[in-house]
PDB file of N, CA and C in Angstrom:
ATOM      1  N   MET A   1     -19.824   7.232  -6.969  1.00  0.00           N
ATOM      2  CA  MET A   1     -18.390   7.283  -6.716  1.00  0.00           C
ATOM      3  C   MET A   1     -17.894   5.884  -6.367  1.00  0.00           C
ATOM      4  N   ALA A   2     -16.848   5.447  -7.007  1.00  0.00           N
ATOM      5  CA  ALA A   2     -16.278   4.133  -6.747  1.00  0.00           C
ATOM      6  C   ALA A   2     -15.516   4.147  -5.422  1.00  0.00           C
ATOM      7  N   THR A   3     -15.402   2.991  -4.822  1.00  0.00           N
ATOM      8  CA  THR A   3     -14.719   2.862  -3.538  1.00  0.00           C
ATOM      9  C   THR A   3     -13.273   2.441  -3.736  1.00  0.00           C
ATOM     10  N   THR A   4     -12.387   3.015  -2.927  1.00  0.00           N
ATOM     11  CA  THR A   4     -10.998   2.589  -2.869  1.00  0.00           C
ATOM     12  C   THR A   4     -10.810   1.881  -1.547  1.00  0.00           C
ATOM     13  N   LYS A   5     -10.210   0.705  -1.581  1.00  0.00           N
ATOM     14  CA  LYS A   5      -9.993  -0.080  -0.380  1.00  0.00           C
ATOM     15  C   LYS A   5      -8.502  -0.312  -0.206  1.00  0.00           C
ATOM     16  N   LEU A   6      -7.986   0.017   0.987  1.00  0.00           N
ATOM     17  CA  LEU A   6      -6.594  -0.273   1.352  1.00  0.00           C
ATOM     18  C   LEU A   6      -6.621  -1.350   2.412  1.00  0.00           C
ATOM     19  N   THR A   7      -5.885  -2.431   2.184  1.00  0.00           N
ATOM     20  CA  THR A   7      -5.813  -3.534   3.133  1.00  0.00           C
ATOM     21  C   THR A   7      -4.380  -3.671   3.612  1.00  0.00           C
ATOM     22  N   VAL A   8      -4.196  -3.614   4.943  1.00  0.00           N
ATOM     23  CA  VAL A   8      -2.871  -3.811   5.536  1.00  0.00           C
ATOM     24  C   VAL A   8      -2.714  -5.321   5.719  1.00  0.00           C
ATOM     25  N   LEU A   9      -1.804  -5.923   4.981  1.00  0.00           N
ATOM     26  CA  LEU A   9      -1.603  -7.365   5.045  1.00  0.00           C
ATOM     27  C   LEU A   9      -0.595  -7.710   6.135  1.00  0.00           C
ATOM     28  N   SER A  10      -0.917  -8.713   6.933  1.00  0.00           N
ATOM     29  CA  SER A  10       0.036  -9.172   7.948  1.00  0.00           C
ATOM     30  C   SER A  10       1.319  -9.627   7.268  1.00  0.00           C
ATOM     31  N   ASN A  11       2.453  -9.203   7.809  1.00  0.00           N
ATOM     32  CA  ASN A  11       3.768  -9.585   7.288  1.00  0.00           C
ATOM     33  C   ASN A  11       3.935  -9.260   5.808  1.00  0.00           C
ATOM     34  N   GLY A  12       3.286  -8.191   5.362  1.00  0.00           N
ATOM     35  CA  GLY A  12       3.382  -7.898   3.939  1.00  0.00           C
ATOM     36  C   GLY A  12       3.052  -6.469   3.580  1.00  0.00           C
ATOM     37  N   SER A  13       2.512  -6.321   2.406  1.00  0.00           N
ATOM     38  CA  SER A  13       2.318  -5.032   1.764  1.00  0.00           C
ATOM     39  C   SER A  13       0.986  -4.370   2.130  1.00  0.00           C
ATOM     40  N   LEU A  14       0.772  -3.197   1.533  1.00  0.00           N
ATOM     41  CA  LEU A  14      -0.520  -2.535   1.546  1.00  0.00           C
ATOM     42  C   LEU A  14      -1.167  -2.835   0.202  1.00  0.00           C
ATOM     43  N   ARG A  15      -2.317  -3.469   0.219  1.00  0.00           N
ATOM     44  CA  ARG A  15      -3.029  -3.763  -1.025  1.00  0.00           C
ATOM     45  C   ARG A  15      -4.013  -2.624  -1.278  1.00  0.00           C
ATOM     46  N   VAL A  16      -3.974  -2.071  -2.486  1.00  0.00           N
ATOM     47  CA  VAL A  16      -4.866  -0.994  -2.886  1.00  0.00           C
ATOM     48  C   VAL A  16      -5.754  -1.538  -3.997  1.00  0.00           C
ATOM     49  N   GLU A  17      -7.070  -1.397  -3.823  1.00  0.00           N
ATOM     50  CA  GLU A  17      -8.029  -1.915  -4.797  1.00  0.00           C
ATOM     51  C   GLU A  17      -9.091  -0.872  -5.082  1.00  0.00           C
ATOM     52  N   GLY A  18      -9.604  -0.887  -6.296  1.00  0.00           N
ATOM     53  CA  GLY A  18     -10.722  -0.017  -6.645  1.00  0.00           C
ATOM     54  C   GLY A  18     -10.315   1.081  -7.598  1.00  0.00           C
ATOM     55  N   ASP A  19     -10.957   2.231  -7.424  1.00  0.00           N
ATOM     56  CA  ASP A  19     -10.720   3.391  -8.266  1.00  0.00           C
ATOM     57  C   ASP A  19      -9.716   4.289  -7.559  1.00  0.00           C
ATOM     58  N   PHE A  20      -8.494   4.364  -8.056  1.00  0.00           N
ATOM     59  CA  PHE A  20      -7.455   5.154  -7.405  1.00  0.00           C
ATOM     60  C   PHE A  20      -6.438   5.626  -8.430  1.00  0.00           C
ATOM     61  N   GLU A  21      -5.662   6.615  -8.025  1.00  0.00           N
ATOM     62  CA  GLU A  21      -4.526   7.095  -8.806  1.00  0.00           C
ATOM     63  C   GLU A  21      -3.345   7.145  -7.854  1.00  0.00           C
ATOM     64  N   LEU A  22      -2.190   6.688  -8.290  1.00  0.00           N
ATOM     65  CA  LEU A  22      -0.970   6.731  -7.499  1.00  0.00           C
ATOM     66  C   LEU A  22      -0.038   7.749  -8.141  1.00  0.00           C
ATOM     67  N   VAL A  23       0.394   8.758  -7.347  1.00  0.00           N
ATOM     68  CA  VAL A  23       1.262   9.798  -7.874  1.00  0.00           C
ATOM     69  C   VAL A  23       2.538   9.876  -7.041  1.00  0.00           C
ATOM     70  N   ASP A  24       3.603  10.404  -7.651  1.00  0.00           N
ATOM     71  CA  ASP A  24       4.872  10.584  -6.936  1.00  0.00           C
ATOM     72  C   ASP A  24       4.849  11.895  -6.153  1.00  0.00           C
ATOM     73  N   ALA A  25       5.961  12.240  -5.527  1.00  0.00           N
ATOM     74  CA  ALA A  25       6.040  13.436  -4.684  1.00  0.00           C
ATOM     75  C   ALA A  25       5.788  14.729  -5.461  1.00  0.00           C
ATOM     76  N   GLN A  26       5.995  14.707  -6.764  1.00  0.00           N
ATOM     77  CA  GLN A  26       5.754  15.889  -7.594  1.00  0.00           C
ATOM     78  C   GLN A  26       4.357  15.892  -8.211  1.00  0.00           C
ATOM     79  N   GLY A  27       3.555  14.883  -7.874  1.00  0.00           N
ATOM     80  CA  GLY A  27       2.193  14.806  -8.396  1.00  0.00           C
ATOM     81  C   GLY A  27       2.070  14.111  -9.737  1.00  0.00           C
ATOM     82  N   GLN A  28       3.160  13.512 -10.220  1.00  0.00           N
ATOM     83  CA  GLN A  28       3.136  12.812 -11.510  1.00  0.00           C
ATOM     84  C   GLN A  28       2.597  11.400 -11.310  1.00  0.00           C
ATOM     85  N   PRO A  29       1.623  10.984 -12.114  1.00  0.00           N
ATOM     86  CA  PRO A  29       1.027   9.662 -11.935  1.00  0.00           C
ATOM     87  C   PRO A  29       1.938   8.530 -12.405  1.00  0.00           C
ATOM     88  N   TYR A  30       1.868   7.427 -11.681  1.00  0.00           N
ATOM     89  CA  TYR A  30       2.522   6.185 -12.113  1.00  0.00           C
ATOM     90  C   TYR A  30       1.630   5.551 -13.168  1.00  0.00           C
ATOM     91  N   GLY A  31       2.242   4.966 -14.193  1.00  0.00           N
ATOM     92  CA  GLY A  31       1.488   4.229 -15.205  1.00  0.00           C
ATOM     93  C   GLY A  31       1.184   2.831 -14.684  1.00  0.00           C
ATOM     94  N   LEU A  32      -0.068   2.564 -14.422  1.00  0.00           N
ATOM     95  CA  LEU A  32      -0.460   1.291 -13.809  1.00  0.00           C
ATOM     96  C   LEU A  32      -1.020   0.290 -14.807  1.00  0.00           C
ATOM     97  N   ALA A  33      -0.967   0.616 -16.086  1.00  0.00           N
ATOM     98  CA  ALA A  33      -1.382  -0.299 -17.156  1.00  0.00           C
ATOM     99  C   ALA A  33      -2.775  -0.886 -16.928  1.00  0.00           C
ATOM    100  N   GLY A  34      -3.689  -0.056 -16.420  1.00  0.00           N
ATOM    101  CA  GLY A  34      -5.070  -0.494 -16.252  1.00  0.00           C
ATOM    102  C   GLY A  34      -5.350  -1.314 -15.014  1.00  0.00           C
ATOM    103  N   ARG A  35      -4.370  -1.512 -14.160  1.00  0.00           N
ATOM    104  CA  ARG A  35      -4.577  -2.321 -12.945  1.00  0.00           C
ATOM    105  C   ARG A  35      -5.581  -1.647 -12.020  1.00  0.00           C
ATOM    106  N   GLU A  36      -6.426  -2.461 -11.411  1.00  0.00           N
ATOM    107  CA  GLU A  36      -7.374  -2.004 -10.409  1.00  0.00           C
ATOM    108  C   GLU A  36      -6.987  -2.522  -9.031  1.00  0.00           C
ATOM    109  N   ARG A  37      -5.834  -3.195  -8.949  1.00  0.00           N
ATOM    110  CA  ARG A  37      -5.312  -3.693  -7.680  1.00  0.00           C
ATOM    111  C   ARG A  37      -3.791  -3.716  -7.754  1.00  0.00           C
ATOM    112  N   ILE A  38      -3.153  -3.085  -6.751  1.00  0.00           N
ATOM    113  CA  ILE A  38      -1.695  -3.084  -6.659  1.00  0.00           C
ATOM    114  C   ILE A  38      -1.307  -3.324  -5.207  1.00  0.00           C
ATOM    115  N   SER A  39      -0.036  -3.641  -4.987  1.00  0.00           N
ATOM    116  CA  SER A  39       0.491  -3.791  -3.633  1.00  0.00           C
ATOM    117  C   SER A  39       1.647  -2.826  -3.459  1.00  0.00           C
ATOM    118  N   ILE A  40       1.604  -2.076  -2.356  1.00  0.00           N
ATOM    119  CA  ILE A  40       2.618  -1.076  -2.033  1.00  0.00           C
ATOM    120  C   ILE A  40       3.548  -1.646  -0.969  1.00  0.00           C
ATOM    121  N   CYS A  41       4.849  -1.491  -1.167  1.00  0.00           N
ATOM    122  CA  CYS A  41       5.865  -1.991  -0.240  1.00  0.00           C
ATOM    123  C   CYS A  41       5.768  -1.269   1.103  1.00  0.00           C
ATOM    124  N   ARG A  42       5.844  -2.034   2.204  1.00  0.00           N
ATOM    125  CA  ARG A  42       5.914  -1.466   3.557  1.00  0.00           C
ATOM    126  C   ARG A  42       7.248  -1.760   4.219  1.00  0.00           C
ATOM    127  N   CYS A  43       7.989  -2.727   3.711  1.00  0.00           N
ATOM    128  CA  CYS A  43       9.196  -3.193   4.397  1.00  0.00           C
ATOM    129  C   CYS A  43      10.452  -2.447   3.968  1.00  0.00           C
ATOM    130  N   GLY A  44      10.431  -1.814   2.798  1.00  0.00           N
ATOM    131  CA  GLY A  44      11.597  -1.110   2.293  1.00  0.00           C
ATOM    132  C   GLY A  44      12.573  -1.975   1.522  1.00  0.00           C
ATOM    133  N   LEU A  45      12.271  -3.260   1.356  1.00  0.00           N
ATOM    134  CA  LEU A  45      13.203  -4.173   0.683  1.00  0.00           C
ATOM    135  C   LEU A  45      12.948  -4.348  -0.815  1.00  0.00           C
ATOM    136  N   SER A  46      11.806  -3.887  -1.306  1.00  0.00           N
ATOM    137  CA  SER A  46      11.464  -4.076  -2.715  1.00  0.00           C
ATOM    138  C   SER A  46      12.459  -3.377  -3.627  1.00  0.00           C
ATOM    139  N   LYS A  47      12.780  -4.011  -4.727  1.00  0.00           N
ATOM    140  CA  LYS A  47      13.638  -3.406  -5.740  1.00  0.00           C
ATOM    141  C   LYS A  47      12.784  -2.653  -6.762  1.00  0.00           C
ATOM    142  N   ASN A  48      11.470  -2.638  -6.551  1.00  0.00           N
ATOM    143  CA  ASN A  48      10.525  -2.019  -7.475  1.00  0.00           C
ATOM    144  C   ASN A  48       9.640  -1.007  -6.726  1.00  0.00           C
ATOM    145  N   LYS A  49      10.236  -0.299  -5.736  1.00  0.00           N
ATOM    146  CA  LYS A  49       9.463   0.656  -4.928  1.00  0.00           C
ATOM    147  C   LYS A  49       8.802   1.699  -5.812  1.00  0.00           C
ATOM    148  N   PRO A  50       7.612   2.124  -5.515  1.00  0.00           N
ATOM    149  CA  PRO A  50       6.880   1.875  -4.279  1.00  0.00           C
ATOM    150  C   PRO A  50       6.106   0.566  -4.284  1.00  0.00           C
ATOM    151  N   PHE A  51       6.234  -0.221  -5.332  1.00  0.00           N
ATOM    152  CA  PHE A  51       5.458  -1.452  -5.457  1.00  0.00           C
ATOM    153  C   PHE A  51       6.138  -2.614  -4.737  1.00  0.00           C
ATOM    154  N   CYS A  52       5.336  -3.516  -4.223  1.00  0.00           N
ATOM    155  CA  CYS A  52       5.839  -4.716  -3.542  1.00  0.00           C
ATOM    156  C   CYS A  52       6.293  -5.730  -4.587  1.00  0.00           C
ATOM    157  N   ASP A  53       7.454  -6.349  -4.334  1.00  0.00           N
ATOM    158  CA  ASP A  53       7.927  -7.425  -5.213  1.00  0.00           C
ATOM    159  C   ASP A  53       8.102  -8.745  -4.459  1.00  0.00           C
ATOM    160  N   GLY A  54       7.615  -8.787  -3.214  1.00  0.00           N
ATOM    161  CA  GLY A  54       7.692 -10.009  -2.423  1.00  0.00           C
ATOM    162  C   GLY A  54       8.964 -10.167  -1.623  1.00  0.00           C
ATOM    163  N   SER A  55       9.855  -9.179  -1.674  1.00  0.00           N
ATOM    164  CA  SER A  55      11.131  -9.273  -0.953  1.00  0.00           C
ATOM    165  C   SER A  55      10.964  -9.367   0.554  1.00  0.00           C
ATOM    166  N   HIS A  56       9.812  -8.976   1.070  1.00  0.00           N
ATOM    167  CA  HIS A  56       9.558  -8.981   2.520  1.00  0.00           C
ATOM    168  C   HIS A  56       9.473 -10.388   3.103  1.00  0.00           C
ATOM    169  N   LYS A  57       9.192 -11.378   2.299  1.00  0.00           N
ATOM    170  CA  LYS A  57       8.964 -12.735   2.808  1.00  0.00           C
ATOM    171  C   LYS A  57      10.130 -13.201   3.671  1.00  0.00           C
ATOM    172  N   GLY A  58       9.822 -13.458   4.949  1.00  0.00           N
ATOM    173  CA  GLY A  58      10.818 -13.920   5.894  1.00  0.00           C
ATOM    174  C   GLY A  58      11.664 -12.817   6.510  1.00  0.00           C
ATOM    175  N   HIS A  59      11.398 -11.541   6.122  1.00  0.00           N
ATOM    176  CA  HIS A  59      12.220 -10.431   6.603  1.00  0.00           C
ATOM    177  C   HIS A  59      11.415  -9.295   7.220  1.00  0.00           C
ATOM    178  N   PHE A  60      10.107  -9.453   7.328  1.00  0.00           N
ATOM    179  CA  PHE A  60       9.254  -8.366   7.800  1.00  0.00           C
ATOM    180  C   PHE A  60       8.103  -8.973   8.583  1.00  0.00           C
ATOM    181  N   GLU A  61       7.946  -8.532   9.821  1.00  0.00           N
ATOM    182  CA  GLU A  61       6.862  -9.056  10.646  1.00  0.00           C
ATOM    183  C   GLU A  61       5.992  -7.924  11.165  1.00  0.00           C
ATOM    184  N   HIS A  62       4.718  -8.044  10.921  1.00  0.00           N
ATOM    185  CA  HIS A  62       3.737  -7.111  11.467  1.00  0.00           C
ATOM    186  C   HIS A  62       2.386  -7.797  11.409  1.00  0.00           C
ATOM    187  N   ASN A  63       1.796  -8.039  12.567  1.00  0.00           N
ATOM    188  CA  ASN A  63       0.482  -8.657  12.632  1.00  0.00           C
ATOM    189  C   ASN A  63      -0.562  -7.561  12.476  1.00  0.00           C
ATOM    190  N   ALA A  64      -1.158  -7.464  11.304  1.00  0.00           N
ATOM    191  CA  ALA A  64      -2.102  -6.385  11.004  1.00  0.00           C
ATOM    192  C   ALA A  64      -3.438  -6.642  11.688  1.00  0.00           C
ATOM    193  N   GLU A  65      -3.744  -5.830  12.688  1.00  0.00           N
ATOM    194  CA  GLU A  65      -5.027  -5.878  13.385  1.00  0.00           C
ATOM    195  C   GLU A  65      -5.532  -4.456  13.531  1.00  0.00           C
ATOM    196  N   ALA A  66      -6.774  -4.234  13.158  1.00  0.00           N
ATOM    197  CA  ALA A  66      -7.365  -2.896  13.207  1.00  0.00           C
ATOM    198  C   ALA A  66      -7.527  -2.416  14.647  1.00  0.00           C
ATOM    199  N   PHE A  67      -7.395  -1.115  14.833  1.00  0.00           N
ATOM    200  CA  PHE A  67      -7.628  -0.483  16.134  1.00  0.00           C
ATOM    201  C   PHE A  67      -8.098   0.947  15.878  1.00  0.00           C
ATOM    202  N   ASP A  68      -8.633   1.579  16.906  1.00  0.00           N
ATOM    203  CA  ASP A  68      -9.126   2.946  16.792  1.00  0.00           C
ATOM    204  C   ASP A  68      -8.036   3.937  17.202  1.00  0.00           C
ATOM    205  N   LEU A  69      -7.842   4.941  16.383  1.00  0.00           N
ATOM    206  CA  LEU A  69      -6.925   6.026  16.725  1.00  0.00           C
ATOM    207  C   LEU A  69      -7.606   6.963  17.714  1.00  0.00           C
ATOM    208  N   PRO A  70      -6.836   7.652  18.549  1.00  0.00           N
ATOM    209  CA  PRO A  70      -7.448   8.661  19.413  1.00  0.00           C
ATOM    210  C   PRO A  70      -7.909   9.845  18.572  1.00  0.00           C
ATOM    211  N   ALA A  71      -8.791  10.654  19.144  1.00  0.00           N
ATOM    212  CA  ALA A  71      -9.272  11.837  18.434  1.00  0.00           C
ATOM    213  C   ALA A  71      -8.101  12.749  18.092  1.00  0.00           C
ATOM    214  N   PRO A  72      -8.175  13.458  16.953  1.00  0.00           N
ATOM    215  CA  PRO A  72      -7.087  14.365  16.586  1.00  0.00           C
ATOM    216  C   PRO A  72      -6.983  15.516  17.586  1.00  0.00           C
ATOM    217  N   LYS A  73      -5.748  15.982  17.793  1.00  0.00           N
ATOM    218  CA  LYS A  73      -5.531  17.131  18.684  1.00  0.00           C
ATOM    219  C   LYS A  73      -5.977  18.397  17.982  1.00  0.00           C
ATOM    220  N   VAL A  74      -6.597  19.265  18.729  1.00  0.00           N
ATOM    221  CA  VAL A  74      -7.118  20.516  18.154  1.00  0.00           C
ATOM    222  C   VAL A  74      -6.189  21.656  18.453  1.00  0.00           C
TER     223      VAL A  74
END
């Protein structure tokens, strides 16, 4: 099984790499033209949502640092 890696970029997008499929709310796949790496918008400013177009530069701040979530509530 191939690995899918999501990277939260500081002051930027979510980078998705590996073997993945991106679908809309109705389950219809986006045509990715064979790409094995894409960037997903986190700032809401992209004119090409859900994909990042770089519009966040200078308008979105988030220092991406990993942390542990608490255990899920039962």
